[in-house]
Protein backbone atom coordinates (compact mmCIF):
# COMPACT_ATOMS: atom_id res chain seq x y z
CA MET A 1 -48.61 49.78 39.22
CA ASP A 2 -51.10 51.68 42.33
CA VAL A 3 -49.33 55.21 41.04
CA GLU A 4 -50.96 54.44 37.51
CA ARG A 5 -54.62 54.01 39.15
CA ASN A 6 -53.86 56.80 41.15
CA LEU A 7 -53.37 59.18 38.41
CA ARG A 8 -56.57 58.63 36.58
CA SER A 9 -58.40 60.46 38.64
CA PRO A 10 -56.24 63.81 38.46
CA LEU A 11 -56.17 63.56 34.67
CA ILE A 12 -59.62 63.15 34.60
CA GLY A 13 -60.21 66.41 36.56
CA ILE A 14 -58.04 68.17 34.64
CA THR A 15 -59.86 67.35 31.34
CA GLN A 16 -63.02 68.30 33.18
CA THR A 17 -61.92 71.59 34.06
CA ALA A 18 -60.22 72.46 30.72
CA LYS A 19 -64.17 71.47 29.38
CA ARG A 20 -65.75 73.64 31.67
CA LEU A 21 -63.48 76.39 30.82
CA GLY A 22 -64.05 76.01 27.38
CA LEU A 23 -60.48 75.31 26.49
CA PRO A 24 -58.62 72.44 24.30
CA ALA A 25 -59.10 69.33 27.06
CA PRO A 26 -55.30 67.94 27.26
CA LEU A 27 -54.59 64.58 25.84
CA ILE A 28 -52.71 63.02 28.43
CA THR A 29 -51.43 59.25 27.90
CA VAL A 30 -49.88 57.09 30.75
CA GLY A 31 -47.47 54.23 30.55
CA VAL A 32 -46.16 51.65 32.34
CA ARG A 33 -42.78 50.15 31.92
CA SER A 34 -41.93 46.98 34.40
CA GLY A 35 -40.63 43.63 35.07
CA ASP A 36 -44.35 42.03 34.64
CA THR A 37 -45.14 44.41 31.29
CA THR A 38 -45.50 42.29 28.61
CA THR A 39 -43.45 42.03 24.81
CA ALA A 40 -46.51 43.65 23.33
CA ASP A 41 -47.06 46.50 25.53
CA ARG A 42 -43.19 47.17 25.20
CA ARG A 43 -43.50 47.34 21.43
CA ALA A 44 -46.31 49.70 21.77
CA LEU A 45 -44.74 52.00 24.31
CA LEU A 46 -41.41 51.97 21.75
CA SER A 47 -43.98 53.06 18.87
CA ASN A 48 -46.16 55.67 20.81
CA PRO A 49 -44.26 57.00 24.09
CA PRO A 50 -46.20 58.16 26.69
CA ASP A 51 -46.48 61.41 28.09
CA ILE A 52 -46.27 60.10 31.63
CA LEU A 53 -44.05 57.01 32.32
CA ILE A 54 -44.10 54.75 35.20
CA THR A 55 -41.14 52.88 35.74
CA THR A 56 -38.95 51.07 37.91
CA PRO A 57 -34.74 51.60 38.52
CA GLU A 58 -34.11 48.25 36.73
CA SER A 59 -36.44 49.20 33.35
CA LEU A 60 -34.95 52.58 32.90
CA PHE A 61 -31.64 50.77 32.70
CA LEU A 62 -33.05 47.98 30.24
CA MET A 63 -34.39 50.71 28.68
CA LEU A 64 -31.44 53.13 28.16
CA THR A 65 -29.36 50.03 26.73
CA SER A 66 -31.38 49.50 23.93
CA ARG A 67 -33.01 51.44 21.07
CA ALA A 68 -36.00 52.02 23.51
CA ARG A 69 -33.78 54.87 25.08
CA GLU A 70 -34.61 56.93 21.43
CA THR A 71 -38.08 58.05 23.13
CA LEU A 72 -36.45 59.13 26.39
CA THR A 73 -34.55 62.37 24.63
CA GLU A 74 -37.23 64.36 25.41
CA VAL A 75 -37.69 63.49 29.25
CA ASP A 76 -38.11 66.95 31.08
CA THR A 77 -38.87 65.67 34.82
CA ILE A 78 -37.89 62.86 36.87
CA ILE A 79 -39.93 62.27 40.06
CA VAL A 80 -38.20 59.27 42.47
CA ASP A 81 -41.24 58.15 45.02
CA GLU A 82 -39.88 57.07 48.16
CA VAL A 83 -36.42 58.29 47.48
CA HIS A 84 -35.11 56.65 51.05
CA ALA A 85 -35.86 53.35 50.02
CA VAL A 86 -33.46 53.40 47.34
CA ALA A 87 -30.55 56.13 48.57
CA GLY A 88 -28.97 53.70 50.93
CA THR A 89 -28.86 50.76 48.82
CA LYS A 90 -26.59 49.68 45.86
CA ARG A 91 -29.85 49.74 44.01
CA GLY A 92 -29.82 53.16 44.78
CA ALA A 93 -26.13 53.70 43.37
CA HIS A 94 -27.29 51.91 40.49
CA LEU A 95 -30.30 54.31 39.90
CA ALA A 96 -28.21 57.34 40.39
CA VAL A 97 -25.61 56.28 37.55
CA SER A 98 -28.61 55.42 35.22
CA LEU A 99 -30.02 58.92 35.52
CA GLU A 100 -26.85 60.42 34.83
CA ARG A 101 -26.73 58.09 31.31
CA LEU A 102 -30.09 59.38 30.78
CA ASP A 103 -29.32 63.36 31.29
CA ALA A 104 -26.27 62.81 28.77
CA LEU A 105 -29.25 62.17 26.12
CA LEU A 106 -30.92 65.02 26.79
CA PRO A 107 -30.51 68.76 25.45
CA LYS A 108 -30.55 69.68 29.09
CA PRO A 109 -30.59 67.78 32.18
CA ALA A 110 -33.74 66.94 33.49
CA GLN A 111 -35.22 68.37 36.65
CA ARG A 112 -35.23 65.40 39.54
CA ILE A 113 -37.87 65.42 42.46
CA GLY A 114 -37.65 63.15 45.34
CA LEU A 115 -40.67 62.62 47.71
CA SER A 116 -40.56 60.76 50.93
CA ALA A 117 -42.21 61.01 54.16
CA THR A 118 -39.51 59.28 56.01
CA VAL A 119 -35.96 60.92 55.51
CA GLU A 120 -32.97 61.33 57.47
CA PRO A 121 -30.79 63.25 56.92
CA ARG A 122 -32.19 65.07 54.46
CA GLU A 123 -29.13 66.81 53.34
CA LEU A 124 -27.52 63.58 52.19
CA VAL A 125 -30.68 62.57 50.47
CA ALA A 126 -30.90 65.51 48.38
CA GLN A 127 -27.40 64.94 47.66
CA PHE A 128 -27.82 61.44 46.31
CA LEU A 129 -30.83 62.81 44.33
CA ALA A 130 -29.01 65.72 42.74
CA GLY A 131 -25.37 64.52 42.40
CA ALA A 132 -23.47 67.34 41.26
CA ALA A 133 -26.55 69.63 40.48
CA PRO A 134 -27.67 72.30 42.93
CA VAL A 135 -30.79 71.51 45.03
CA GLU A 136 -33.70 72.42 47.12
CA ILE A 137 -35.09 70.58 50.14
CA VAL A 138 -38.72 71.47 50.26
CA ALA A 139 -39.98 70.08 53.95
CA PRO A 140 -42.74 72.38 55.35
CA PRO A 141 -43.85 71.98 58.91
CA SER A 142 -46.32 69.49 59.62
CA ARG A 143 -47.37 67.34 62.02
CA LYS A 144 -48.69 63.77 62.14
CA ASN A 145 -51.16 62.20 65.01
CA TRP A 146 -50.36 58.91 65.99
CA ASP A 147 -52.41 56.53 68.15
CA LEU A 148 -49.94 53.75 68.95
CA THR A 149 -50.51 50.65 71.76
CA VAL A 150 -48.12 47.87 72.23
CA SER A 151 -50.43 44.99 73.38
CA VAL A 152 -49.30 42.03 75.18
CA PRO A 153 -52.36 39.52 75.65
CA VAL A 154 -51.04 37.79 78.49
CA GLU A 155 -50.44 38.69 82.06
CA ASP A 156 -46.90 37.07 82.27
CA MET A 157 -44.87 36.89 79.27
CA SER A 158 -42.60 34.17 81.33
CA ASP A 159 -45.62 31.96 82.15
CA LEU A 160 -47.10 30.74 78.79
CA PRO A 161 -48.02 27.16 80.52
CA GLY A 162 -50.14 29.08 82.44
CA ALA A 163 -51.38 31.55 80.11
CA ALA A 164 -52.35 28.58 78.17
CA GLY A 165 -53.75 26.74 80.81
CA ALA A 166 -56.31 29.60 81.86
CA PHE A 167 -57.22 30.05 78.12
CA ASP A 168 -60.56 28.63 77.33
CA SER A 169 -60.88 28.26 73.43
CA GLY A 170 -61.73 25.73 70.82
CA PRO A 171 -59.60 23.45 68.91
CA ALA A 172 -58.29 26.23 66.49
CA SER A 173 -56.80 28.11 69.42
CA GLY A 174 -53.94 25.73 69.04
CA LEU A 175 -53.12 25.67 72.56
CA GLN A 176 -53.81 21.82 73.65
CA PRO A 177 -50.26 20.63 72.18
CA GLN A 178 -47.65 23.59 73.68
CA ALA A 179 -48.07 26.73 75.33
CA SER A 180 -47.36 29.76 73.04
CA ILE A 181 -48.25 33.57 73.03
CA TRP A 182 -49.16 32.85 69.14
CA PRO A 183 -52.59 31.75 70.19
CA HIS A 184 -53.30 34.82 72.02
CA VAL A 185 -52.01 37.19 69.71
CA GLU A 186 -54.07 35.60 66.82
CA GLU A 187 -57.39 35.18 68.86
CA LYS A 188 -56.66 39.14 69.44
CA ILE A 189 -55.88 40.09 66.20
CA VAL A 190 -59.50 38.42 65.03
CA ASP A 191 -61.10 40.24 67.46
CA LEU A 192 -59.51 44.12 66.00
CA VAL A 193 -60.44 43.13 62.40
CA LEU A 194 -63.97 42.09 63.52
CA ALA A 195 -64.28 45.71 65.21
CA ASN A 196 -63.00 47.53 62.26
CA GLN A 197 -64.09 47.73 58.51
CA SER A 198 -60.43 47.45 57.01
CA THR A 199 -57.28 46.49 58.67
CA ILE A 200 -53.87 45.48 57.56
CA VAL A 201 -51.85 42.96 59.49
CA PHE A 202 -48.12 43.66 58.99
CA ALA A 203 -45.58 40.64 59.18
CA ASN A 204 -41.97 40.76 59.06
CA SER A 205 -41.80 37.67 56.62
CA ARG A 206 -43.28 35.84 54.17
CA ARG A 207 -44.01 32.82 56.09
CA LEU A 208 -45.03 34.35 58.84
CA ALA A 209 -47.78 36.15 56.72
CA GLU A 210 -49.06 32.74 55.22
CA ARG A 211 -49.33 31.48 58.83
CA LEU A 212 -51.13 34.30 60.46
CA THR A 213 -53.67 34.42 56.99
CA ALA A 214 -54.12 30.42 57.61
CA ARG A 215 -54.81 30.97 61.56
CA LEU A 216 -56.83 33.91 61.06
CA ASN A 217 -59.18 32.59 58.94
CA GLU A 218 -59.26 29.14 60.84
CA ILE A 219 -60.32 30.83 63.70
CA TYR A 220 -62.70 32.71 62.26
CA ALA A 221 -64.42 29.90 60.65
CA GLU A 222 -64.64 28.09 64.12
CA ARG A 223 -66.10 31.45 65.59
CA GLN A 224 -68.74 31.26 62.86
CA LEU A 225 -69.46 27.55 63.47
CA ILE A 226 -70.21 27.94 67.22
CA ALA A 227 -71.98 30.53 66.25
CA VAL A 228 -74.01 28.81 63.93
CA GLY A 229 -73.87 24.96 65.39
CA GLY A 230 -73.15 25.44 68.88
CA GLY A 231 -69.29 24.57 69.10
CA TRP A 232 -67.22 21.51 68.36
CA ASP A 233 -68.98 19.38 70.99
CA SER A 234 -72.51 19.82 69.73
CA PRO A 235 -74.29 16.94 68.37
CA ASP A 236 -75.63 18.62 65.06
CA ALA A 237 -71.58 19.98 64.84
CA ASP A 238 -71.22 17.19 61.53
CA ALA A 239 -74.00 18.34 60.26
CA VAL A 240 -73.27 22.42 60.41
CA GLU A 241 -69.52 21.26 59.07
CA SER A 242 -70.91 19.45 55.98
CA GLY A 243 -73.22 22.66 55.25
CA THR A 244 -71.83 25.68 56.19
CA PRO A 245 -70.07 27.48 53.58
CA GLY A 246 -66.34 28.77 54.36
CA VAL A 247 -65.95 26.12 57.36
CA PRO A 248 -63.46 23.42 57.08
CA ALA A 249 -64.34 20.01 57.78
CA SER A 250 -62.06 19.94 60.57
CA THR A 251 -59.62 22.25 62.24
CA ALA A 252 -58.32 20.02 65.16
CA THR A 253 -55.04 20.42 63.72
CA PRO A 254 -54.00 23.63 64.24
CA ALA A 255 -51.15 25.50 61.82
CA HIS A 256 -48.27 24.44 64.20
CA MET A 257 -44.87 24.98 62.90
CA MET A 258 -43.54 21.40 61.71
CA ALA A 259 -40.21 20.87 60.08
CA GLN A 260 -39.61 24.56 57.76
CA ALA A 261 -43.23 24.97 57.38
CA GLY A 262 -46.42 24.89 58.95
CA SER A 263 -49.85 23.36 58.12
CA THR A 264 -53.27 25.04 57.52
CA ALA A 265 -56.52 23.39 58.08
CA GLY A 266 -57.81 24.87 54.63
CA ALA A 267 -60.34 27.33 55.60
CA ASP A 268 -61.76 29.78 53.15
CA PRO A 269 -60.12 33.07 52.94
CA LEU A 270 -63.38 34.66 54.36
CA LEU A 271 -61.46 36.99 56.55
CA ALA A 272 -58.01 37.83 55.51
CA ARG A 273 -55.84 37.16 52.48
CA ALA A 274 -51.86 37.05 51.91
CA HIS A 275 -50.35 39.79 50.29
CA HIS A 276 -46.32 39.83 49.44
CA GLY A 277 -43.75 39.32 46.80
CA SER A 278 -44.09 35.80 46.44
CA VAL A 279 -47.70 36.34 45.26
CA SER A 280 -48.46 36.73 41.82
CA LYS A 281 -48.67 40.76 40.45
CA ASP A 282 -52.75 39.65 39.30
CA GLN A 283 -53.31 38.23 42.62
CA ARG A 284 -51.79 41.13 44.64
CA ALA A 285 -53.90 43.54 42.68
CA LEU A 286 -57.02 41.64 43.50
CA ILE A 287 -56.16 41.72 46.94
CA GLU A 288 -55.46 45.44 47.04
CA ASP A 289 -58.77 46.14 45.03
CA ASP A 290 -60.61 43.91 47.34
CA LEU A 291 -59.60 45.49 50.53
CA LYS A 292 -60.17 48.89 48.49
CA SER A 293 -63.66 48.20 48.05
CA GLY A 294 -64.92 46.71 51.29
CA ARG A 295 -65.38 43.07 50.06
CA LEU A 296 -62.36 42.03 52.30
CA ARG A 297 -61.70 42.93 55.75
CA CYS A 298 -58.19 41.98 56.34
CA VAL A 299 -54.60 42.14 54.47
CA VAL A 300 -51.93 39.84 55.98
CA ALA A 301 -48.72 42.04 54.53
CA THR A 302 -45.10 42.15 54.46
CA SER A 303 -43.08 45.16 53.06
CA SER A 304 -45.26 44.49 50.08
CA LEU A 305 -47.76 47.06 51.23
CA GLU A 306 -45.28 49.60 53.09
CA LEU A 307 -44.24 51.62 50.06
CA GLY A 308 -46.20 53.72 47.76
CA ILE A 309 -49.39 52.02 48.07
CA ASP A 310 -52.57 53.92 48.58
CA MET A 311 -54.96 51.40 50.14
CA GLY A 312 -57.84 53.88 50.71
CA ALA A 313 -59.77 54.00 54.28
CA VAL A 314 -57.89 52.10 56.40
CA ASP A 315 -59.42 51.70 60.02
CA LEU A 316 -56.54 49.78 61.39
CA VAL A 317 -53.05 48.57 61.21
CA VAL A 318 -51.80 45.76 63.04
CA GLN A 319 -47.92 44.93 63.44
CA VAL A 320 -46.85 41.75 64.47
CA GLU A 321 -43.35 41.66 66.51
CA SER A 322 -41.29 44.83 66.40
CA PRO A 323 -41.05 46.74 63.03
CA PRO A 324 -37.59 46.26 61.18
CA SER A 325 -36.93 50.15 61.77
CA VAL A 326 -38.55 53.40 63.06
CA ALA A 327 -38.73 54.24 58.90
CA SER A 328 -40.87 50.95 58.27
CA GLY A 329 -43.01 51.51 61.22
CA LEU A 330 -44.06 54.75 60.23
CA GLN A 331 -44.43 53.71 56.64
CA ARG A 332 -46.54 50.77 58.00
CA VAL A 333 -48.75 52.35 60.05
CA GLY A 334 -49.25 55.54 58.00
CA ARG A 335 -51.17 53.25 56.14
CA ALA A 336 -53.73 53.74 58.01
CA GLY A 337 -55.64 57.20 58.49
CA HIS A 338 -53.81 57.95 55.17
CA GLN A 339 -54.97 61.81 55.01
CA VAL A 340 -54.16 64.96 56.20
CA GLY A 341 -55.32 65.52 59.48
CA GLU A 342 -56.31 61.72 60.17
CA ILE A 343 -54.96 60.09 63.08
CA SER A 344 -52.93 57.30 62.11
CA GLN A 345 -54.43 53.83 64.38
CA GLY A 346 -51.45 50.90 65.14
CA VAL A 347 -51.38 47.92 67.29
CA LEU A 348 -48.31 46.45 67.68
CA PHE A 349 -48.17 42.93 69.14
CA PRO A 350 -44.33 41.96 70.78
CA LYS A 351 -43.56 37.77 70.69
CA HIS A 352 -41.12 38.05 73.61
CA ARG A 353 -39.86 39.71 76.30
CA ALA A 354 -37.11 40.95 74.06
CA ASP A 355 -39.06 41.88 71.28
CA LEU A 356 -40.99 43.84 73.59
CA VAL A 357 -38.17 46.06 74.41
CA HIS A 358 -37.16 46.34 70.48
CA THR A 359 -41.10 47.07 70.20
CA ALA A 360 -41.17 50.10 73.15
CA ILE A 361 -38.18 51.70 71.58
CA THR A 362 -39.31 51.65 68.63
CA VAL A 363 -42.94 53.22 69.37
CA GLU A 364 -40.94 55.92 71.20
CA ARG A 365 -38.72 57.04 68.43
CA MET A 366 -41.91 56.98 66.05
CA LEU A 367 -43.61 59.21 68.18
CA GLU A 368 -39.91 61.61 68.52
CA GLY A 369 -39.97 61.32 64.73
CA LYS A 370 -36.39 59.88 65.19
CA ILE A 371 -35.43 58.36 62.27
CA GLU A 372 -32.65 55.98 61.38
CA ARG A 373 -29.74 57.76 59.26
CA LEU A 374 -29.20 56.39 55.93
CA PHE A 375 -25.66 56.04 54.40
CA VAL A 376 -25.00 56.40 50.78
CA PRO A 377 -22.82 53.51 49.16
CA ALA A 378 -19.23 55.03 47.97
CA ASN A 379 -17.81 53.90 44.98
CA PRO A 380 -19.44 50.05 44.57
CA LEU A 381 -17.46 48.95 41.71
CA ASP A 382 -19.61 46.32 40.72
CA ILE A 383 -22.16 48.67 39.74
CA LEU A 384 -19.43 50.72 37.88
CA ALA A 385 -18.44 47.43 36.05
CA GLN A 386 -22.24 46.59 35.14
CA GLN A 387 -23.01 50.34 34.09
CA THR A 388 -20.13 50.32 31.77
CA VAL A 389 -20.96 47.35 30.04
CA ALA A 390 -24.18 48.96 29.27
CA ALA A 391 -23.28 52.26 28.55
CA THR A 392 -20.67 50.77 25.85
CA ALA A 393 -23.15 47.96 24.25
CA LEU A 394 -24.71 50.05 21.91
CA GLY A 395 -21.79 52.27 20.79
CA SER A 396 -18.32 53.54 21.52
CA ILE A 397 -18.04 56.03 24.29
CA ASP A 398 -15.05 58.55 25.47
CA VAL A 399 -12.89 57.06 28.37
CA GLU A 400 -13.04 60.76 29.96
CA GLU A 401 -16.53 61.62 29.22
CA TRP A 402 -17.61 58.59 31.00
CA PHE A 403 -15.28 59.12 33.91
CA ALA A 404 -17.00 62.27 33.74
CA THR A 405 -20.50 61.24 33.76
CA VAL A 406 -20.11 58.66 36.57
CA ARG A 407 -18.30 61.14 39.03
CA ARG A 408 -21.30 63.66 38.68
CA SER A 409 -23.34 60.75 40.69
CA ALA A 410 -23.95 61.09 44.45
CA PRO A 411 -22.28 57.34 45.18
CA PHE A 412 -19.41 57.68 42.79
CA ALA A 413 -18.47 61.18 43.23
CA SER A 414 -14.85 60.54 45.10
CA LEU A 415 -14.12 57.55 42.95
CA PRO A 416 -10.56 57.40 42.44
CA ARG A 417 -8.87 57.51 39.04
CA SER A 418 -6.92 54.12 39.61
CA ALA A 419 -10.06 52.37 40.74
CA TYR A 420 -11.76 53.56 37.76
CA GLU A 421 -8.86 52.17 35.17
CA ALA A 422 -8.43 49.16 37.46
CA THR A 423 -12.36 48.69 36.60
CA LEU A 424 -11.74 49.19 32.92
CA ASP A 425 -8.78 46.94 33.07
CA LEU A 426 -10.93 43.90 34.50
CA LEU A 427 -13.54 44.67 31.95
CA ALA A 428 -10.94 44.72 28.92
CA GLY A 429 -9.21 41.57 29.96
CA ARG A 430 -5.85 42.77 31.60
CA TYR A 431 -6.10 40.49 34.63
CA PRO A 432 -3.27 40.54 37.39
CA SER A 433 -2.43 36.59 36.60
CA ASP A 434 -3.06 33.95 34.35
CA GLU A 435 -5.95 32.18 36.84
CA PHE A 436 -8.52 34.48 35.11
CA ALA A 437 -7.30 33.88 31.76
CA GLU A 438 -10.71 31.93 31.52
CA LEU A 439 -12.67 34.85 31.91
CA ARG A 440 -14.02 36.67 28.74
CA PRO A 441 -13.32 40.56 28.16
CA ARG A 442 -16.34 42.21 28.19
CA ILE A 443 -15.61 45.80 26.59
CA ILE A 444 -12.34 47.02 24.24
CA TRP A 445 -10.55 49.68 25.69
CA ASP A 446 -8.48 51.75 22.85
CA ARG A 447 -5.91 53.58 25.09
CA ASN A 448 -4.61 55.07 22.01
CA ALA A 449 -7.97 56.83 20.97
CA GLY A 450 -8.75 56.69 24.55
CA THR A 451 -12.53 55.27 23.89
CA ILE A 452 -14.37 51.88 25.23
CA GLU A 453 -16.50 49.88 23.18
CA GLY A 454 -18.62 46.78 24.11
CA ARG A 455 -17.38 43.26 22.77
CA PRO A 456 -20.20 41.28 20.54
CA GLY A 457 -22.55 39.81 22.83
CA ALA A 458 -22.27 43.16 25.35
CA GLN A 459 -25.67 44.02 25.21
CA ARG A 460 -27.19 40.89 25.82
CA LEU A 461 -24.96 40.32 29.03
CA ALA A 462 -25.88 43.53 30.16
CA VAL A 463 -29.90 42.94 29.80
CA THR A 464 -30.04 39.80 31.39
CA SER A 465 -27.80 40.59 34.17
CA GLY A 466 -29.27 44.24 34.71
CA GLY A 467 -30.10 46.02 38.24
CA THR A 468 -28.78 44.53 41.50
CA ILE A 469 -31.46 42.42 42.84
CA PRO A 470 -29.96 38.87 43.21
CA ASP A 471 -31.38 35.83 41.78
CA ARG A 472 -32.58 34.23 44.90
CA GLY A 473 -33.42 30.61 43.23
CA LEU A 474 -37.24 30.47 43.75
CA PHE A 475 -39.41 28.82 41.60
CA GLY A 476 -42.24 30.03 39.81
CA VAL A 477 -45.84 28.36 40.63
CA TYR A 478 -48.17 27.86 37.64
CA ILE A 479 -51.41 26.63 37.14
CA ILE A 480 -51.55 23.42 35.01
CA GLY A 481 -53.72 23.61 32.09
CA THR A 482 -53.39 27.34 31.26
CA GLU A 483 -50.62 27.04 29.14
CA VAL A 484 -50.71 28.23 25.23
CA GLU A 485 -50.20 25.72 22.67
CA GLY A 486 -47.80 26.52 20.01
CA SER A 487 -44.10 27.70 19.78
CA GLY A 488 -43.74 31.66 20.30
CA VAL A 489 -47.28 32.71 21.19
CA PRO A 490 -46.94 34.55 24.93
CA GLY A 491 -49.01 33.17 27.87
CA ALA A 492 -50.58 34.85 30.60
CA ASP A 493 -47.31 36.33 31.75
CA GLY A 494 -46.05 37.72 28.54
CA LYS A 495 -43.61 34.94 27.94
CA PRO A 496 -43.66 32.69 25.29
CA ALA A 497 -44.71 29.49 25.56
CA SER A 498 -42.78 26.87 23.27
CA SER A 499 -44.31 23.70 24.91
CA PRO A 500 -47.50 22.80 26.52
CA ALA A 501 -45.60 21.69 30.00
CA LYS A 502 -44.59 24.94 30.24
CA GLY A 503 -47.67 26.57 32.17
CA GLY A 504 -49.62 30.06 31.71
CA ARG A 505 -51.44 31.75 34.44
CA ARG A 506 -48.44 32.25 37.48
CA VAL A 507 -49.70 32.11 41.00
CA GLY A 508 -46.75 32.89 42.84
CA GLU A 509 -42.97 31.62 43.80
CA LEU A 510 -41.92 28.86 46.25
CA ASP A 511 -38.50 28.66 47.92
CA GLU A 512 -35.92 26.47 46.05
CA GLU A 513 -35.56 24.16 49.33
CA MET A 514 -39.62 24.42 49.72
CA VAL A 515 -39.66 22.92 46.47
CA TYR A 516 -37.15 19.94 47.47
CA GLU A 517 -38.76 18.95 50.29
CA SER A 518 -42.09 18.77 48.41
CA ARG A 519 -43.35 15.88 46.26
CA VAL A 520 -46.13 15.56 43.39
CA GLY A 521 -49.55 15.33 44.83
CA ASP A 522 -48.64 17.43 48.00
CA ILE A 523 -51.03 20.21 49.03
CA PHE A 524 -49.63 23.73 50.12
CA ALA A 525 -51.07 27.12 50.81
CA LEU A 526 -49.85 29.98 49.11
CA GLY A 527 -51.92 33.34 49.36
CA ALA A 528 -54.68 31.86 51.48
CA THR A 529 -55.59 29.32 48.77
CA SER A 530 -54.60 25.52 48.93
CA TRP A 531 -52.52 24.42 45.61
CA LYS A 532 -51.84 20.54 44.04
CA ILE A 533 -48.53 19.92 43.19
CA GLU A 534 -49.06 18.09 39.43
CA ASP A 535 -45.66 18.08 38.33
CA ILE A 536 -42.15 19.93 39.23
CA THR A 537 -39.70 20.77 36.52
CA HIS A 538 -36.20 22.22 36.54
CA ASP A 539 -37.64 25.78 37.24
CA ARG A 540 -41.31 25.51 38.13
CA VAL A 541 -44.01 23.82 39.78
CA LEU A 542 -47.15 23.26 38.14
CA VAL A 543 -50.57 23.37 40.48
CA SER A 544 -53.88 22.78 40.21
CA PRO A 545 -56.73 24.40 42.68
CA ALA A 546 -56.99 22.38 46.10
CA PHE A 547 -59.79 24.47 47.69
CA GLY A 548 -60.41 23.59 51.34
CA GLN A 549 -57.71 20.92 51.79
CA PRO A 550 -55.54 20.96 54.65
CA GLY A 551 -52.12 21.63 53.40
CA LYS A 552 -48.63 22.87 54.02
CA LEU A 553 -47.75 26.35 54.69
CA PRO A 554 -44.56 27.41 52.51
CA PHE A 555 -41.74 28.82 53.81
CA TRP A 556 -38.51 31.35 52.24
CA LYS A 557 -35.33 31.70 53.31
CA GLY A 558 -34.41 35.13 54.77
CA ILE A 559 -32.18 37.02 56.90
CA HIS A 560 -33.56 37.57 60.57
CA TRP A 561 -33.34 41.50 61.48
CA GLY A 562 -31.61 42.30 65.01
CA GLY A 563 -32.56 45.90 65.17
CA PRO A 564 -30.26 48.99 64.68
CA LEU A 565 -27.46 49.55 66.88
CA THR A 566 -28.10 52.93 67.40
CA TRP A 567 -30.78 51.70 69.34
CA ALA A 568 -28.29 50.46 72.18
CA ALA A 569 -27.38 54.07 72.99
CA PRO A 570 -29.97 54.82 75.29
CA TRP A 571 -29.58 51.96 77.20
CA ALA A 572 -26.09 51.33 76.95
CA PRO A 573 -24.87 53.07 80.35
CA SER A 574 -27.10 50.86 82.54
CA CYS A 575 -25.47 47.85 80.50
CA VAL A 576 -22.12 48.46 82.52
CA ASN A 577 -21.29 45.80 85.01
CA CYS A 578 -25.11 44.99 85.31
CA PRO A 579 -25.15 41.81 87.50
CA ARG A 580 -27.80 40.04 85.21
CA PRO A 581 -29.48 40.74 81.62
CA THR A 582 -32.68 42.22 82.64
CA SER A 583 -30.96 45.15 84.55
CA ALA A 584 -30.44 46.16 80.96
CA LEU A 585 -33.73 46.98 80.22
CA PRO A 586 -35.98 50.33 81.26
CA PRO A 587 -37.36 50.29 84.76
CA ASN A 588 -40.59 49.47 83.52
CA ALA A 589 -39.44 46.56 81.98
CA ALA A 590 -39.77 44.48 85.37
CA ARG A 591 -43.86 45.38 85.63
CA PRO A 592 -46.21 43.09 84.60
CA ALA A 593 -46.95 42.46 80.63
CA GLY A 594 -49.72 44.81 80.41
CA TRP A 595 -47.84 47.75 81.49
CA MET A 596 -47.69 48.94 77.46
CA ASN A 597 -51.30 48.35 76.94
CA SER A 598 -52.54 52.30 77.36
CA PRO A 599 -52.26 53.79 73.89
CA ARG A 600 -49.92 57.03 73.53
CA THR A 601 -50.99 59.57 71.53
CA THR A 602 -49.31 62.65 69.92
């Protein structure tokens, strides 16, 4: 985790300061417990608990539901970083109950500290963090400097065919088959990346991140070819193609959207690499390190680089399409100039006229600090049922004490007794009709003694179904030939390799529909690298490297964002009885597309 890396410097500083003062140097250990932690490392944490434990809400839940909870009995302080990211979700409600379960193990409740730069309203998030305990909000006045530019690289967004005809570029521009704003945006992004030492390009989907990464590398490769060999029509072009590292054999087939995915010419990732949740953890760590060290000039990312990541000295942030929210926009652009007193510089590229309006409103609200209001989910009974099974998995608990524990958390502060008992009835097998008779009860509710206890298998059910992150049916992608022979021997991902067909080194993951449309022998790009499919099993794809070969771009199913409803308020009066749709836009929207190109600085 990035937090672990950032702890090294202050801990070394504490040790050196103690030595300089002639004091005994404290030995402070740090441990990480997450879904990627290997079995061996988990056993080490169990036998030698660290002084500082970095974990996730899901891993904390698993520790509380196993004998690892004995290592948490001396917890003194709990720090929830980026608390706004969970406060308004069921994941946050799940975490709130886990924190109350943790407090129940301690001699006295642990101090909770929530950190965030984008919280609104503060009082609600403070209540979520503290539950029934008193809380203090620490928010000293501060001013952040922003340099935000909304850039439209064409004169008229409604006349893209004309823009395509006036745009002179090589085959990698992708302008010949169809008129689109994307070639202009891609060329402009390459210009910005080459004008800076370190750039992060944010996209709103993993598919777009992969597509942009491929296009940026192809454009960069073509520019190198033109600089060395005089262009694609040069008599020496063939010789340059075969002898220039990083230049593909041909970029005549640009990455147009075909079917669900797209295609890539197979250019080497010399300029940019993709960073998102479907790229393996090891690859993401390498990409982050390359960007920090200056070996890589550009990373195209999704929300995977939005929160809690210290990317060092980033010069510029580029946002393609309007950000999902004002808070997201602030977090993303804040990756640039991420130091006290520095100016965060960002360039935003809308993809069409409606997106231009969304982007303009987002920038205005970013400059004014008008962050969207959070709403904490109230009484999510599925979370209550999940936590109840987990709390009773290791022994009997009192019904009244469990009710009080749950109600101390903010999401369940108003939980009615009737809803609580109905949930216990459901878990104990008291169903409203015979239609539910096939459902197996999960707990035993002794109404005479006032206790609830987990049935056999409750612990396994709790740890295999922990958390609120849904199973999206993604296929893991592994490099064939890196598996570990023999049963029970952990592979590179820390999981036992029961047979050679399992695969070892993880590359990332693909959507189920993408895998269904693929065949053995197909080549696809993932993380700006081409891979050849060698085998497809019931839950994974085995691949081999296919460096420099053209292939399909992957796609993932997701929810398309439409913008917060609160944004409609400033423009609502002008929408009443408007004769045509454009009258609902701000007055400046009727001007030429370049009207937003001048930066706004505050």
